Amino acid sequence: MCQHGQRASRVSGDISIVSGVAGRYATALFELALEERKIDEVSKDLGRFDALIEGSEDLQRLVRSPVFGAGEQASAIDALLKKAGIAGIAANFIRLIARNRRLFVFQDMVRAFAALVSEHRGEINAEVTSAAPLSAAQVKSLKESLKKAMGKDVSLNERVDAALIGGLIVKVGSRMIDTSIRTKLDSLKLAMKEVG
């Protein structure tokens, strides 16, 4: 195995998210992207495709439902990749997982790939869920705060969930900080039930 492959294998043993089917695919993709020196390009394209899935209930259904055959998924994904302008390694990877009927774990693969990239760069990977997209200033401030707390640079994997109403949920490894208004309201409802 090449030096990069040994590194990715070592990393996959250290990071719990890089395991199972998603971990194997993400590790193979990471090794290829590293070898081709296209980590940034692949990361960007995976993020764009992930955002397309998040933004479309029809696409989520296509990706997750066993009702669609591999051929149907592959043709729909191919058309979507062309329309979104996603090509190269990321597009080939997405086509491969569609053919292999693994689209339903694509988002886990994206998280595993991001964890490998972060480890490679000496960063910590954090998942941030917010009620609305964060501004550049908010992202910068959050990264700085997390860097102070963790002692390392932080790579953010951002998601939007309007159900949070406001605030953030930040996950770094097994640690989670939940400042969402939804959670505060749920806690308040529970406290009121206990009192009444």
C-alpha atoms as a PDB file:
ATOM      1  CA  MET A   1       0.000   0.000   0.000  1.00  0.00           C
ATOM      2  CA  CYS A   2       1.225   3.511  -0.750  1.00  0.00           C
ATOM      3  CA  GLN A   3       2.163   5.967   1.984  1.00  0.00           C
ATOM      4  CA  HIS A   4      -1.060   7.927   1.444  1.00  0.00           C
ATOM      5  CA  GLY A   5      -3.078   4.714   1.720  1.00  0.00           C
ATOM      6  CA  GLN A   6      -1.375   3.849   5.006  1.00  0.00           C
ATOM      7  CA  ARG A   7      -2.198   7.316   6.324  1.00  0.00           C
ATOM      8  CA  ALA A   8      -5.847   7.041   5.290  1.00  0.00           C
ATOM      9  CA  SER A   9      -6.119   3.576   6.850  1.00  0.00           C
ATOM     10  CA  ARG A  10      -4.584   4.848  10.077  1.00  0.00           C
ATOM     11  CA  VAL A  11      -6.950   7.782  10.073  1.00  0.00           C
ATOM     12  CA  SER A  12      -9.941   5.532   9.446  1.00  0.00           C
ATOM     13  CA  GLY A  13      -9.076   3.622  12.614  1.00  0.00           C
ATOM     14  CA  ASP A  14      -8.848   6.826  14.663  1.00  0.00           C
ATOM     15  CA  ILE A  15     -12.038   8.580  13.550  1.00  0.00           C
ATOM     16  CA  SER A  16     -15.252   6.797  14.389  1.00  0.00           C
ATOM     17  CA  ILE A  17     -17.179   8.400  11.505  1.00  0.00           C
ATOM     18  CA  VAL A  18     -14.778   6.816   9.001  1.00  0.00           C
ATOM     19  CA  SER A  19     -16.075   3.276   9.291  1.00  0.00           C
ATOM     20  CA  GLY A  20     -18.322   0.809   7.523  1.00  0.00           C
ATOM     21  CA  VAL A  21     -19.413   1.219   3.918  1.00  0.00           C
ATOM     22  CA  ALA A  22     -19.266   5.031   4.033  1.00  0.00           C
ATOM     23  CA  GLY A  23     -15.767   4.918   5.498  1.00  0.00           C
ATOM     24  CA  ARG A  24     -14.435   2.505   2.876  1.00  0.00           C
ATOM     25  CA  TYR A  25     -15.772   4.580  -0.016  1.00  0.00           C
ATOM     26  CA  ALA A  26     -14.625   7.856   1.580  1.00  0.00           C
ATOM     27  CA  THR A  27     -11.137   6.455   2.226  1.00  0.00           C
ATOM     28  CA  ALA A  28     -10.798   5.266  -1.377  1.00  0.00           C
ATOM     29  CA  LEU A  29     -11.981   8.666  -2.650  1.00  0.00           C
ATOM     30  CA  PHE A  30      -9.630  10.494  -0.274  1.00  0.00           C
ATOM     31  CA  GLU A  31      -6.629   8.420  -1.428  1.00  0.00           C
ATOM     32  CA  LEU A  32      -7.451   9.134  -5.080  1.00  0.00           C
ATOM     33  CA  ALA A  33      -8.021  12.872  -4.465  1.00  0.00           C
ATOM     34  CA  LEU A  34      -4.753  13.063  -2.510  1.00  0.00           C
ATOM     35  CA  GLU A  35      -2.833  11.210  -5.222  1.00  0.00           C
ATOM     36  CA  GLU A  36      -4.281  13.478  -7.939  1.00  0.00           C
ATOM     37  CA  ARG A  37      -3.810  16.603  -5.762  1.00  0.00           C
ATOM     38  CA  LYS A  38      -7.504  17.446  -6.109  1.00  0.00           C
ATOM     39  CA  ILE A  39      -8.668  17.403  -2.483  1.00  0.00           C
ATOM     40  CA  ASP A  40     -10.076  20.956  -2.585  1.00  0.00           C
ATOM     41  CA  GLU A  41     -11.870  20.390  -5.894  1.00  0.00           C
ATOM     42  CA  VAL A  42     -13.394  17.089  -4.743  1.00  0.00           C
ATOM     43  CA  SER A  43     -14.435  18.604  -1.382  1.00  0.00           C
ATOM     44  CA  LYS A  44     -16.130  21.522  -3.136  1.00  0.00           C
ATOM     45  CA  ASP A  45     -17.969  19.268  -5.623  1.00  0.00           C
ATOM     46  CA  LEU A  46     -19.131  16.854  -2.906  1.00  0.00           C
ATOM     47  CA  GLY A  47     -20.387  19.833  -0.902  1.00  0.00           C
ATOM     48  CA  ARG A  48     -22.288  21.178  -3.904  1.00  0.00           C
ATOM     49  CA  PHE A  49     -23.954  17.815  -4.570  1.00  0.00           C
ATOM     50  CA  ASP A  50     -24.746  17.408  -0.858  1.00  0.00           C
ATOM     51  CA  ALA A  51     -26.397  20.861  -0.891  1.00  0.00           C
ATOM     52  CA  LEU A  52     -28.487  19.813  -3.920  1.00  0.00           C
ATOM     53  CA  ILE A  53     -29.742  16.771  -1.976  1.00  0.00           C
ATOM     54  CA  GLU A  54     -30.483  18.865   1.126  1.00  0.00           C
ATOM     55  CA  GLY A  55     -32.433  21.381  -0.951  1.00  0.00           C
ATOM     56  CA  SER A  56     -34.702  18.965  -2.809  1.00  0.00           C
ATOM     57  CA  GLU A  57     -37.213  16.530  -1.345  1.00  0.00           C
ATOM     58  CA  ASP A  58     -37.497  14.811  -4.743  1.00  0.00           C
ATOM     59  CA  LEU A  59     -33.739  14.248  -4.854  1.00  0.00           C
ATOM     60  CA  GLN A  60     -33.747  12.984  -1.253  1.00  0.00           C
ATOM     61  CA  ARG A  61     -36.438  10.489  -2.238  1.00  0.00           C
ATOM     62  CA  LEU A  62     -34.445   9.399  -5.301  1.00  0.00           C
ATOM     63  CA  VAL A  63     -31.287   8.917  -3.224  1.00  0.00           C
ATOM     64  CA  ARG A  64     -32.894   7.139  -0.261  1.00  0.00           C
ATOM     65  CA  SER A  65     -35.795   5.136  -1.686  1.00  0.00           C
ATOM     66  CA  PRO A  66     -35.233   1.493  -2.666  1.00  0.00           C
ATOM     67  CA  VAL A  67     -38.142   1.858  -5.134  1.00  0.00           C
ATOM     68  CA  PHE A  68     -35.849   3.404  -7.762  1.00  0.00           C
ATOM     69  CA  GLY A  69     -33.637   0.977  -9.653  1.00  0.00           C
ATOM     70  CA  ALA A  70     -29.912   1.497 -10.196  1.00  0.00           C
ATOM     71  CA  GLY A  71     -30.543   2.484 -13.827  1.00  0.00           C
ATOM     72  CA  GLU A  72     -33.129   5.126 -12.889  1.00  0.00           C
ATOM     73  CA  GLN A  73     -30.866   6.549 -10.195  1.00  0.00           C
ATOM     74  CA  ALA A  74     -27.827   6.551 -12.481  1.00  0.00           C
ATOM     75  CA  SER A  75     -29.603   8.419 -15.321  1.00  0.00           C
ATOM     76  CA  ALA A  76     -31.137  10.989 -12.982  1.00  0.00           C
ATOM     77  CA  ILE A  77     -27.807  11.526 -11.200  1.00  0.00           C
ATOM     78  CA  ASP A  78     -25.932  11.829 -14.501  1.00  0.00           C
ATOM     79  CA  ALA A  79     -28.331  14.551 -15.716  1.00  0.00           C
ATOM     80  CA  LEU A  80     -28.080  16.343 -12.376  1.00  0.00           C
ATOM     81  CA  LEU A  81     -24.270  16.265 -12.374  1.00  0.00           C
ATOM     82  CA  LYS A  82     -24.184  17.770 -15.874  1.00  0.00           C
ATOM     83  CA  LYS A  83     -26.700  20.473 -14.944  1.00  0.00           C
ATOM     84  CA  ALA A  84     -24.747  21.348 -11.744  1.00  0.00           C
ATOM     85  CA  GLY A  85     -21.412  21.369 -13.597  1.00  0.00           C
ATOM     86  CA  ILE A  86     -19.901  18.708 -11.332  1.00  0.00           C
ATOM     87  CA  ALA A  87     -17.244  16.726 -13.202  1.00  0.00           C
ATOM     88  CA  GLY A  88     -13.988  14.881 -12.654  1.00  0.00           C
ATOM     89  CA  ILE A  89     -13.263  12.694  -9.641  1.00  0.00           C
ATOM     90  CA  ALA A  90     -16.339  13.708  -7.623  1.00  0.00           C
ATOM     91  CA  ALA A  91     -18.729  13.094 -10.532  1.00  0.00           C
ATOM     92  CA  ASN A  92     -17.171   9.694 -11.250  1.00  0.00           C
ATOM     93  CA  PHE A  93     -17.425   8.818  -7.553  1.00  0.00           C
ATOM     94  CA  ILE A  94     -21.105   9.800  -7.392  1.00  0.00           C
ATOM     95  CA  ARG A  95     -21.839   7.789 -10.565  1.00  0.00           C
ATOM     96  CA  LEU A  96     -20.035   4.779  -9.057  1.00  0.00           C
ATOM     97  CA  ILE A  97     -22.031   4.845  -5.833  1.00  0.00           C
ATOM     98  CA  ALA A  98     -25.252   5.224  -7.848  1.00  0.00           C
ATOM     99  CA  ARG A  99     -24.352   2.126  -9.911  1.00  0.00           C
ATOM    100  CA  ASN A 100     -23.448   0.240  -6.714  1.00  0.00           C
ATOM    101  CA  ARG A 101     -26.762   1.231  -5.044  1.00  0.00           C
ATOM    102  CA  ARG A 102     -24.981   3.169  -2.278  1.00  0.00           C
ATOM    103  CA  LEU A 103     -26.482   6.646  -2.807  1.00  0.00           C
ATOM    104  CA  PHE A 104     -28.437   6.298   0.432  1.00  0.00           C
ATOM    105  CA  VAL A 105     -25.158   6.629   2.400  1.00  0.00           C
ATOM    106  CA  PHE A 106     -23.761   9.494   0.290  1.00  0.00           C
ATOM    107  CA  GLN A 107     -24.092  12.060   3.079  1.00  0.00           C
ATOM    108  CA  ASP A 108     -22.243   9.758   5.503  1.00  0.00           C
ATOM    109  CA  MET A 109     -19.525   9.418   2.848  1.00  0.00           C
ATOM    110  CA  VAL A 110     -19.272  13.220   2.592  1.00  0.00           C
ATOM    111  CA  ARG A 111     -18.852  13.526   6.376  1.00  0.00           C
ATOM    112  CA  ALA A 112     -16.253  10.734   6.401  1.00  0.00           C
ATOM    113  CA  PHE A 113     -14.356  12.361   3.519  1.00  0.00           C
ATOM    114  CA  ALA A 114     -14.424  15.729   5.342  1.00  0.00           C
ATOM    115  CA  ALA A 115     -13.057  14.050   8.484  1.00  0.00           C
ATOM    116  CA  LEU A 116     -10.180  12.527   6.477  1.00  0.00           C
ATOM    117  CA  VAL A 117      -9.415  15.875   4.831  1.00  0.00           C
ATOM    118  CA  SER A 118      -9.452  17.632   8.217  1.00  0.00           C
ATOM    119  CA  GLU A 119      -7.122  15.038   9.726  1.00  0.00           C
ATOM    120  CA  HIS A 120      -4.789  15.349   6.728  1.00  0.00           C
ATOM    121  CA  ARG A 121      -4.644  19.128   7.220  1.00  0.00           C
ATOM    122  CA  GLY A 122      -4.227  18.892  10.990  1.00  0.00           C
ATOM    123  CA  GLU A 123      -7.686  20.357  11.569  1.00  0.00           C
ATOM    124  CA  ILE A 124     -10.622  19.283  13.672  1.00  0.00           C
ATOM    125  CA  ASN A 125     -13.872  18.698  11.795  1.00  0.00           C
ATOM    126  CA  ALA A 126     -16.978  20.286  13.330  1.00  0.00           C
ATOM    127  CA  GLU A 127     -20.587  19.903  12.202  1.00  0.00           C
ATOM    128  CA  VAL A 128     -22.616  23.078  12.609  1.00  0.00           C
ATOM    129  CA  THR A 129     -26.377  23.152  12.175  1.00  0.00           C
ATOM    130  CA  SER A 130     -28.051  26.556  12.131  1.00  0.00           C
ATOM    131  CA  ALA A 131     -31.587  27.826  11.536  1.00  0.00           C
ATOM    132  CA  ALA A 132     -30.374  29.986   8.625  1.00  0.00           C
ATOM    133  CA  PRO A 133     -27.143  30.090   6.593  1.00  0.00           C
ATOM    134  CA  LEU A 134     -24.275  31.643   8.555  1.00  0.00           C
ATOM    135  CA  SER A 135     -22.645  34.823   7.273  1.00  0.00           C
ATOM    136  CA  ALA A 136     -18.907  34.887   6.530  1.00  0.00           C
ATOM    137  CA  ALA A 137     -18.362  36.914   9.728  1.00  0.00           C
ATOM    138  CA  GLN A 138     -20.295  34.362  11.810  1.00  0.00           C
ATOM    139  CA  VAL A 139     -18.316  31.470  10.303  1.00  0.00           C
ATOM    140  CA  LYS A 140     -15.048  33.270  11.039  1.00  0.00           C
ATOM    141  CA  SER A 141     -16.076  34.039  14.623  1.00  0.00           C
ATOM    142  CA  LEU A 142     -17.231  30.454  15.219  1.00  0.00           C
ATOM    143  CA  LYS A 143     -13.987  29.023  13.795  1.00  0.00           C
ATOM    144  CA  GLU A 144     -11.947  31.342  16.037  1.00  0.00           C
ATOM    145  CA  SER A 145     -13.952  30.379  19.144  1.00  0.00           C
ATOM    146  CA  LEU A 146     -13.639  26.659  18.380  1.00  0.00           C
ATOM    147  CA  LYS A 147      -9.914  27.027  17.670  1.00  0.00           C
ATOM    148  CA  LYS A 148      -9.421  28.640  21.099  1.00  0.00           C
ATOM    149  CA  ALA A 149     -11.430  25.878  22.784  1.00  0.00           C
ATOM    150  CA  MET A 150      -9.886  22.949  20.867  1.00  0.00           C
ATOM    151  CA  GLY A 151      -6.356  24.214  20.296  1.00  0.00           C
ATOM    152  CA  LYS A 152      -6.444  23.367  16.566  1.00  0.00           C
ATOM    153  CA  ASP A 153      -7.758  24.860  13.352  1.00  0.00           C
ATOM    154  CA  VAL A 154     -11.356  23.853  12.718  1.00  0.00           C
ATOM    155  CA  SER A 155     -13.037  22.864   9.454  1.00  0.00           C
ATOM    156  CA  LEU A 156     -16.797  23.515   9.493  1.00  0.00           C
ATOM    157  CA  ASN A 157     -19.343  21.276   7.826  1.00  0.00           C
ATOM    158  CA  GLU A 158     -22.427  23.525   7.729  1.00  0.00           C
ATOM    159  CA  ARG A 159     -26.076  22.466   7.562  1.00  0.00           C
ATOM    160  CA  VAL A 160     -29.290  24.472   7.747  1.00  0.00           C
ATOM    161  CA  ASP A 161     -32.355  23.263   9.663  1.00  0.00           C
ATOM    162  CA  ALA A 162     -35.118  25.891   9.896  1.00  0.00           C
ATOM    163  CA  ALA A 163     -36.821  23.823  12.633  1.00  0.00           C
ATOM    164  CA  LEU A 164     -34.134  25.038  15.068  1.00  0.00           C
ATOM    165  CA  ILE A 165     -35.815  28.488  14.938  1.00  0.00           C
ATOM    166  CA  GLY A 166     -32.542  30.145  16.014  1.00  0.00           C
ATOM    167  CA  GLY A 167     -29.191  29.358  17.606  1.00  0.00           C
ATOM    168  CA  LEU A 168     -26.750  26.598  16.705  1.00  0.00           C
ATOM    169  CA  ILE A 169     -25.934  22.959  17.258  1.00  0.00           C
ATOM    170  CA  VAL A 170     -22.187  22.335  17.075  1.00  0.00           C
ATOM    171  CA  LYS A 171     -20.743  18.805  17.101  1.00  0.00           C
ATOM    172  CA  VAL A 172     -17.009  18.197  17.435  1.00  0.00           C
ATOM    173  CA  GLY A 173     -16.279  14.491  17.692  1.00  0.00           C
ATOM    174  CA  SER A 174     -18.458  13.125  20.494  1.00  0.00           C
ATOM    175  CA  ARG A 175     -19.001  16.581  22.031  1.00  0.00           C
ATOM    176  CA  MET A 176     -22.138  18.557  21.242  1.00  0.00           C
ATOM    177  CA  ILE A 177     -23.114  22.120  22.116  1.00  0.00           C
ATOM    178  CA  ASP A 178     -26.813  22.826  21.543  1.00  0.00           C
ATOM    179  CA  THR A 179     -27.892  26.473  21.834  1.00  0.00           C
ATOM    180  CA  SER A 180     -30.900  26.129  19.546  1.00  0.00           C
ATOM    181  CA  ILE A 181     -34.158  27.839  20.464  1.00  0.00           C
ATOM    182  CA  ARG A 182     -36.048  24.609  19.667  1.00  0.00           C
ATOM    183  CA  THR A 183     -34.095  22.734  22.360  1.00  0.00           C
ATOM    184  CA  LYS A 184     -34.627  25.557  24.868  1.00  0.00           C
ATOM    185  CA  LEU A 185     -38.383  25.530  24.133  1.00  0.00           C
ATOM    186  CA  ASP A 186     -38.510  21.720  24.480  1.00  0.00           C
ATOM    187  CA  SER A 187     -36.713  21.993  27.850  1.00  0.00           C
ATOM    188  CA  LEU A 188     -39.134  24.698  28.969  1.00  0.00           C
ATOM    189  CA  LYS A 189     -42.151  22.565  27.933  1.00  0.00           C
ATOM    190  CA  LEU A 190     -40.752  19.605  29.880  1.00  0.00           C
ATOM    191  CA  ALA A 191     -40.115  21.771  32.968  1.00  0.00           C
ATOM    192  CA  MET A 192     -43.678  23.141  32.775  1.00  0.00           C
ATOM    193  CA  LYS A 193     -45.131  19.605  32.587  1.00  0.00           C
ATOM    194  CA  GLU A 194     -43.136  18.583  35.661  1.00  0.00           C
ATOM    195  CA  VAL A 195     -44.381  21.604  37.624  1.00  0.00           C
ATOM    196  CA  GLY A 196     -48.027  21.143  36.568  1.00  0.00           C
END
